[in-house]
Amino acid sequence: MKRVLVTGGAGFISSNFIRHLLEETSYEVVTLDALTYAGNLENLADVMSHPRLSFVHGDIRDETLVRQLVEGVDVIVNAAAESHVEKSIEDGASEFVTTNVEGTQILLDAIRQTPVERFILISSSEVYGTAEAAPMDEEHPLKPRSPYAATKAGADRLAYSYWTTYDLPIVIVRPFNNYGPRQHPEKVVPRFITQALDDEPLTIHGDGHASRDWLYVTDHAEAIETMIETPIERVAGEVLNVATGVDISVSEIADLVLDVLGKPAELKLYVPERLGQVDRHIGSTDKSAELLGWRARTSFAEGLERTVAWYRDNEAWWRAILARESRAYSS
């Protein structure tokens, strides 16, 4: 039976991925998480007692712990990351560099010592910066526009270098903007949903024209599972977008959320543009379709309906996060 190590497992994407593996495969799953602001054990509450899941509280920057864990697994999916764009801009990049780049380096050095079947790095479409061509394929120039994005680009290229230099079985995934259940309410889709549920203004940076390729998180989980099951010789050393090939503006997202919840359009509130804003992201899906036979299945309308329903039905989950952050900010 295959054993998969998922780092950052209490985060949004990774917890949904773990749930998917436990429901759809027979894999054993080990997950490591430092439980920073982005990691929330409540994300795994319904599966923590699952017989095929083991949870380890720890940091990917802990070299000794990482080497111990790598010795017992076949596949590594590195999803551990500091991911708050505005935090990287306002508070500095130090934590982003150490977790996103140095943490990845520690994992890569561990698999040099203890080989695994494959190492899948969850990079980010943010490494591309603003689209210079549409859709953005995997050969698009890397022009990250925030400290967060720059550290993801650093980890991305570091992982690639370990394939070219050491012939390690590296696969690099560049997912576009994920959304869905259990996403931290700082992110735009859940932020709009929770603001609308509270009849508060939906704050939109700039004029709201910035657009993104919005990927429902379950589709992303299916894509990663497919990367684990695809013969390694097809994907080793490859960079793969995980995207829908459709982009929707932030202003339009606000309109759709308000429409789903039956709230007035007057709740939209435009605020100054964010530093380092990316104008447009839209991903090419051709390479993933060719190498994996995978395409996203969930339309944005369907995914948004599911996401709104989850936040409406799990109010205690997101209110607890907002209350914790409010206390931390005021202390």
Protein backbone atom coordinates (compact mmCIF):
# COMPACT_ATOMS: atom_id res chain seq x y z
CA MET A 1 0.00 0.00 0.00
CA LYS A 2 1.38 3.41 -1.01
CA ARG A 3 2.15 5.91 1.79
CA VAL A 4 1.86 9.60 0.99
CA LEU A 5 3.36 12.42 3.08
CA VAL A 6 1.35 15.64 2.73
CA THR A 7 3.08 18.64 4.28
CA GLY A 8 0.97 21.55 5.50
CA GLY A 9 -1.92 19.10 5.81
CA ALA A 10 -4.13 21.28 8.00
CA GLY A 11 -4.30 23.97 5.33
CA PHE A 12 -7.10 24.57 2.86
CA ILE A 13 -5.92 22.78 -0.28
CA SER A 14 -4.03 20.04 1.54
CA SER A 15 -6.86 19.14 3.94
CA ASN A 16 -9.25 18.79 1.01
CA PHE A 17 -6.63 16.68 -0.78
CA ILE A 18 -6.17 14.43 2.27
CA ARG A 19 -9.93 13.96 2.55
CA HIS A 20 -10.02 13.07 -1.15
CA LEU A 21 -7.24 10.46 -0.75
CA LEU A 22 -8.97 8.85 2.22
CA GLU A 23 -12.31 8.70 0.39
CA GLU A 24 -11.16 7.77 -3.11
CA THR A 25 -7.98 5.69 -2.70
CA SER A 26 -6.49 3.04 -0.41
CA TYR A 27 -3.35 5.10 0.30
CA GLU A 28 -2.03 5.62 3.79
CA VAL A 29 -1.54 9.32 4.53
CA VAL A 30 0.95 10.98 6.88
CA THR A 31 0.58 14.72 7.31
CA LEU A 32 2.90 17.26 8.86
CA ASP A 33 1.77 20.74 9.88
CA ALA A 34 3.24 23.48 12.07
CA LEU A 35 -0.28 24.87 12.72
CA THR A 36 0.52 28.49 11.93
CA TYR A 37 -2.32 30.90 11.02
CA ALA A 38 -2.87 28.96 7.76
CA GLY A 39 -3.13 25.55 9.45
CA ASN A 40 -6.32 24.72 11.30
CA LEU A 41 -6.89 21.29 12.84
CA GLU A 42 -10.63 21.87 12.45
CA ASN A 43 -10.00 21.36 8.72
CA LEU A 44 -9.22 17.70 9.50
CA ALA A 45 -11.59 17.19 12.43
CA ASP A 46 -13.87 14.77 10.58
CA VAL A 47 -10.99 12.51 9.47
CA MET A 48 -8.47 12.74 12.34
CA SER A 49 -9.52 9.33 13.66
CA HIS A 50 -9.33 7.69 10.24
CA PRO A 51 -7.21 4.50 10.44
CA ARG A 52 -5.18 5.47 7.35
CA LEU A 53 -4.30 8.99 8.54
CA SER A 54 -1.42 9.93 10.85
CA PHE A 55 -0.96 13.55 11.96
CA VAL A 56 2.42 14.95 13.05
CA HIS A 57 2.67 18.43 14.60
CA GLY A 58 5.92 19.84 13.32
CA ASP A 59 7.71 22.11 10.87
CA ILE A 60 9.19 21.31 7.45
CA ARG A 61 12.19 23.39 8.57
CA ASP A 62 12.94 20.74 11.25
CA GLU A 63 15.59 18.74 9.40
CA THR A 64 15.69 15.81 11.83
CA LEU A 65 11.92 15.36 11.88
CA VAL A 66 11.65 15.65 8.10
CA ARG A 67 14.27 12.96 7.54
CA GLN A 68 12.47 10.62 9.94
CA LEU A 69 9.18 11.08 8.12
CA VAL A 70 10.64 10.71 4.64
CA GLU A 71 12.09 7.31 5.55
CA GLY A 72 8.59 5.86 5.84
CA VAL A 73 6.81 7.17 2.72
CA ASP A 74 6.64 6.55 -1.03
CA VAL A 75 5.31 9.92 -2.24
CA ILE A 76 5.68 13.48 -0.92
CA VAL A 77 3.22 16.25 -1.72
CA ASN A 78 4.73 19.49 -0.42
CA ALA A 79 1.84 21.88 0.20
CA ALA A 80 3.33 23.59 3.27
CA ALA A 81 3.63 27.32 2.68
CA GLU A 82 3.14 30.77 4.04
CA SER A 83 0.52 32.01 1.58
CA HIS A 84 -0.95 35.34 2.71
CA VAL A 85 0.00 37.79 -0.08
CA GLU A 86 -0.81 40.96 1.87
CA LYS A 87 1.06 39.66 4.93
CA SER A 88 4.15 39.17 2.76
CA ILE A 89 3.83 42.77 1.55
CA GLU A 90 3.05 44.46 4.86
CA ASP A 91 5.01 42.38 7.38
CA GLY A 92 8.05 41.39 5.33
CA ALA A 93 9.16 38.24 3.58
CA SER A 94 11.32 36.52 6.21
CA GLU A 95 8.84 33.79 7.21
CA PHE A 96 7.94 33.26 3.56
CA VAL A 97 11.57 32.72 2.60
CA THR A 98 12.32 30.27 5.40
CA THR A 99 9.14 28.19 5.02
CA ASN A 100 8.57 28.32 1.27
CA VAL A 101 12.18 28.15 0.07
CA GLU A 102 14.30 26.74 2.90
CA GLY A 103 11.59 24.28 3.93
CA THR A 104 11.43 22.98 0.38
CA GLN A 105 15.23 22.69 0.31
CA ILE A 106 15.20 20.59 3.51
CA LEU A 107 12.63 18.22 2.00
CA LEU A 108 14.60 17.97 -1.25
CA ASP A 109 17.83 17.19 0.58
CA ALA A 110 15.99 14.54 2.60
CA ILE A 111 14.94 12.70 -0.55
CA ARG A 112 18.52 12.83 -1.82
CA GLN A 113 19.39 10.74 1.23
CA THR A 114 16.23 8.61 1.22
CA PRO A 115 14.79 8.23 -2.30
CA VAL A 116 11.04 8.31 -2.83
CA GLU A 117 8.89 7.35 -5.80
CA ARG A 118 8.01 10.98 -6.52
CA PHE A 119 8.03 14.46 -5.00
CA ILE A 120 5.18 16.76 -5.98
CA LEU A 121 5.70 20.44 -5.22
CA ILE A 122 2.59 22.59 -5.00
CA SER A 123 3.87 25.81 -6.55
CA SER A 124 1.51 28.63 -7.62
CA SER A 125 0.29 30.42 -10.72
CA GLU A 126 1.36 33.61 -8.90
CA VAL A 127 4.90 32.88 -10.07
CA TYR A 128 3.85 34.02 -13.57
CA GLY A 129 2.83 37.54 -12.59
CA THR A 130 0.40 39.27 -14.95
CA ALA A 131 -0.45 37.36 -18.10
CA GLU A 132 1.69 38.38 -21.07
CA ALA A 133 -0.23 35.93 -23.26
CA ALA A 134 -3.55 34.21 -22.74
CA PRO A 135 -3.91 31.51 -21.76
CA MET A 136 -0.68 31.25 -19.76
CA ASP A 137 1.13 28.02 -20.52
CA GLU A 138 3.97 26.46 -18.54
CA GLU A 139 6.57 28.30 -20.65
CA HIS A 140 5.20 31.72 -19.64
CA PRO A 141 7.95 33.92 -18.11
CA LEU A 142 8.15 33.94 -14.32
CA LYS A 143 7.62 37.50 -13.12
CA PRO A 144 6.29 37.27 -9.53
CA ARG A 145 4.80 40.53 -8.26
CA SER A 146 4.75 40.01 -4.47
CA PRO A 147 7.26 38.67 -1.93
CA TYR A 148 4.98 35.64 -1.46
CA ALA A 149 4.98 34.90 -5.18
CA ALA A 150 8.75 35.36 -5.37
CA THR A 151 9.33 32.76 -2.66
CA LYS A 152 7.02 30.32 -4.47
CA ALA A 153 9.02 30.92 -7.64
CA GLY A 154 12.21 30.26 -5.66
CA ALA A 155 10.90 26.92 -4.38
CA ASP A 156 9.60 26.05 -7.85
CA ARG A 157 12.97 26.60 -9.53
CA LEU A 158 14.88 25.00 -6.65
CA ALA A 159 12.83 21.81 -7.04
CA TYR A 160 13.43 21.87 -10.79
CA SER A 161 17.17 22.19 -10.21
CA TYR A 162 17.16 19.04 -8.06
CA TRP A 163 15.63 17.16 -10.99
CA THR A 164 18.21 18.44 -13.47
CA THR A 165 21.17 18.10 -11.08
CA TYR A 166 20.33 14.95 -9.10
CA ASP A 167 17.75 13.26 -11.37
CA LEU A 168 15.20 13.23 -8.55
CA PRO A 169 11.57 12.38 -9.43
CA ILE A 170 10.23 15.94 -9.16
CA VAL A 171 6.84 17.11 -10.43
CA ILE A 172 5.95 20.81 -10.14
CA VAL A 173 2.30 21.86 -10.00
CA ARG A 174 1.20 25.43 -10.65
CA PRO A 175 -2.42 25.63 -9.48
CA PHE A 176 -4.49 28.66 -10.32
CA ASN A 177 -6.76 30.33 -7.75
CA ASN A 178 -8.38 27.65 -5.62
CA TYR A 179 -11.64 28.17 -3.78
CA GLY A 180 -14.05 25.94 -1.88
CA PRO A 181 -14.90 24.71 1.63
CA ARG A 182 -12.51 25.39 4.51
CA GLN A 183 -10.60 28.21 2.83
CA HIS A 184 -9.27 30.84 5.22
CA PRO A 185 -11.65 33.84 5.20
CA GLU A 186 -8.80 36.16 4.24
CA LYS A 187 -9.06 34.86 0.65
CA VAL A 188 -11.34 36.71 -1.75
CA VAL A 189 -14.13 34.17 -2.37
CA PRO A 190 -14.74 33.25 1.31
CA ARG A 191 -14.15 36.89 2.31
CA PHE A 192 -16.92 38.03 -0.02
CA ILE A 193 -19.20 35.23 1.21
CA THR A 194 -18.67 35.97 4.91
CA GLN A 195 -18.95 39.73 4.38
CA ALA A 196 -22.23 39.24 2.50
CA LEU A 197 -23.59 36.88 5.14
CA ASP A 198 -22.96 39.64 7.70
CA ASP A 199 -24.40 42.35 5.41
CA GLU A 200 -21.01 44.05 5.44
CA PRO A 201 -19.41 45.77 2.42
CA LEU A 202 -17.60 43.49 -0.01
CA THR A 203 -14.24 45.28 -0.29
CA ILE A 204 -12.83 45.23 -3.82
CA HIS A 205 -9.29 46.42 -4.56
CA GLY A 206 -9.03 49.03 -7.31
CA ASP A 207 -11.82 48.95 -9.87
CA GLY A 208 -12.25 45.17 -9.61
CA HIS A 209 -11.07 44.44 -13.16
CA ALA A 210 -8.33 42.04 -12.02
CA SER A 211 -9.31 38.56 -13.16
CA ARG A 212 -8.31 35.05 -12.11
CA ASP A 213 -8.74 31.46 -13.23
CA TRP A 214 -10.85 30.00 -10.40
CA LEU A 215 -10.29 26.30 -9.64
CA TYR A 216 -12.63 24.36 -7.35
CA VAL A 217 -10.46 22.66 -4.73
CA THR A 218 -11.86 19.15 -5.28
CA ASP A 219 -10.82 19.34 -8.93
CA HIS A 220 -7.32 20.23 -7.74
CA ALA A 221 -7.31 17.20 -5.43
CA GLU A 222 -8.27 14.95 -8.33
CA ALA A 223 -5.43 16.41 -10.41
CA ILE A 224 -2.83 15.68 -7.73
CA GLU A 225 -4.13 12.13 -7.30
CA THR A 226 -3.75 11.68 -11.06
CA MET A 227 -0.15 12.94 -10.83
CA ILE A 228 0.56 10.26 -8.22
CA GLU A 229 -0.93 7.52 -10.40
CA THR A 230 0.59 8.59 -13.74
CA PRO A 231 3.81 6.69 -14.64
CA ILE A 232 6.71 8.73 -13.28
CA GLU A 233 8.57 8.73 -16.61
CA ARG A 234 5.72 10.80 -18.10
CA VAL A 235 5.83 13.53 -15.46
CA ALA A 236 9.31 13.65 -13.86
CA GLY A 237 10.82 17.08 -14.34
CA GLU A 238 7.58 18.50 -15.71
CA VAL A 239 5.75 21.68 -14.71
CA LEU A 240 1.98 21.32 -14.91
CA ASN A 241 -0.69 23.99 -14.67
CA VAL A 242 -3.86 23.00 -12.85
CA ALA A 243 -6.46 25.41 -14.18
CA THR A 244 -9.84 25.73 -15.86
CA GLY A 245 -8.91 27.92 -18.83
CA VAL A 246 -11.55 30.50 -17.85
CA ASP A 247 -10.96 33.76 -15.96
CA ILE A 248 -13.51 35.83 -14.03
CA SER A 249 -12.94 39.32 -12.61
CA VAL A 250 -12.98 40.08 -8.90
CA SER A 251 -15.88 42.51 -9.39
CA GLU A 252 -17.89 39.81 -11.15
CA ILE A 253 -17.17 37.38 -8.29
CA ALA A 254 -18.66 39.90 -5.89
CA ASP A 255 -21.77 40.21 -8.09
CA LEU A 256 -22.19 36.44 -8.23
CA VAL A 257 -21.82 36.03 -4.45
CA LEU A 258 -24.38 38.76 -3.81
CA ASP A 259 -26.74 37.17 -6.32
CA VAL A 260 -26.44 33.68 -4.79
CA LEU A 261 -27.12 35.09 -1.31
CA GLY A 262 -29.86 37.49 -2.44
CA LYS A 263 -27.96 40.55 -1.19
CA PRO A 264 -28.05 44.05 -2.74
CA ALA A 265 -25.41 45.19 -5.23
CA GLU A 266 -24.85 48.28 -3.05
CA LEU A 267 -22.76 46.14 -0.70
CA LYS A 268 -19.85 46.35 -3.15
CA LEU A 269 -17.21 48.78 -1.86
CA TYR A 270 -14.14 49.78 -3.89
CA VAL A 271 -10.94 50.42 -1.92
CA PRO A 272 -7.40 51.42 -3.03
CA GLU A 273 -5.54 48.99 -5.24
CA ARG A 274 -3.31 46.45 -3.50
CA LEU A 275 0.45 46.78 -4.00
CA GLY A 276 1.84 44.30 -6.51
CA GLN A 277 -1.59 43.47 -7.92
CA VAL A 278 -1.71 40.98 -10.79
CA ASP A 279 -4.09 42.09 -13.55
CA ARG A 280 -4.98 38.80 -15.19
CA HIS A 281 -4.44 35.08 -14.68
CA ILE A 282 -5.80 32.46 -17.04
CA GLY A 283 -4.17 29.07 -17.33
CA SER A 284 -3.56 26.82 -20.30
CA THR A 285 -4.99 23.34 -19.64
CA ASP A 286 -3.43 21.59 -22.64
CA LYS A 287 -0.35 20.07 -21.00
CA SER A 288 -2.25 18.56 -18.06
CA ALA A 289 -4.80 17.14 -20.49
CA GLU A 290 -2.04 15.62 -22.64
CA LEU A 291 0.19 14.16 -19.90
CA LEU A 292 -2.44 13.32 -17.27
CA GLY A 293 -5.71 13.06 -19.17
CA TRP A 294 -7.07 15.54 -16.63
CA ARG A 295 -9.33 18.56 -17.01
CA ALA A 296 -11.30 20.47 -14.36
CA ARG A 297 -14.90 19.26 -14.10
CA THR A 298 -16.57 21.86 -11.88
CA SER A 299 -17.99 25.06 -13.38
CA PHE A 300 -17.58 28.23 -11.36
CA ALA A 301 -21.37 28.53 -10.90
CA GLU A 302 -21.55 25.02 -9.44
CA GLY A 303 -18.45 25.44 -7.29
CA LEU A 304 -19.64 28.79 -5.92
CA GLU A 305 -23.03 27.33 -4.98
CA ARG A 306 -21.30 24.55 -3.03
CA THR A 307 -18.89 26.98 -1.39
CA VAL A 308 -21.59 29.44 -0.33
CA ALA A 309 -23.63 26.57 1.13
CA TRP A 310 -20.63 25.34 3.14
CA TYR A 311 -19.88 28.75 4.68
CA ARG A 312 -23.55 29.32 5.40
CA ASP A 313 -23.77 25.93 7.16
CA ASN A 314 -20.44 26.23 9.01
CA GLU A 315 -20.65 29.70 10.50
CA ALA A 316 -18.95 28.68 13.76
CA TRP A 317 -15.83 27.58 11.82
CA TRP A 318 -15.13 30.89 10.11
CA ARG A 319 -16.30 33.08 12.99
CA ALA A 320 -13.80 31.36 15.28
CA ILE A 321 -10.97 32.17 12.85
CA LEU A 322 -12.02 35.82 12.54
CA ALA A 323 -12.30 36.13 16.33
CA ARG A 324 -8.82 34.67 16.87
CA GLU A 325 -7.29 37.03 14.34
CA SER A 326 -9.11 40.02 15.82
CA ARG A 327 -7.72 39.18 19.29
CA ALA A 328 -4.21 38.72 17.88
CA TYR A 329 -4.40 42.03 16.01
CA SER A 330 -5.59 43.97 19.07
CA SER A 331 -3.06 42.47 21.49
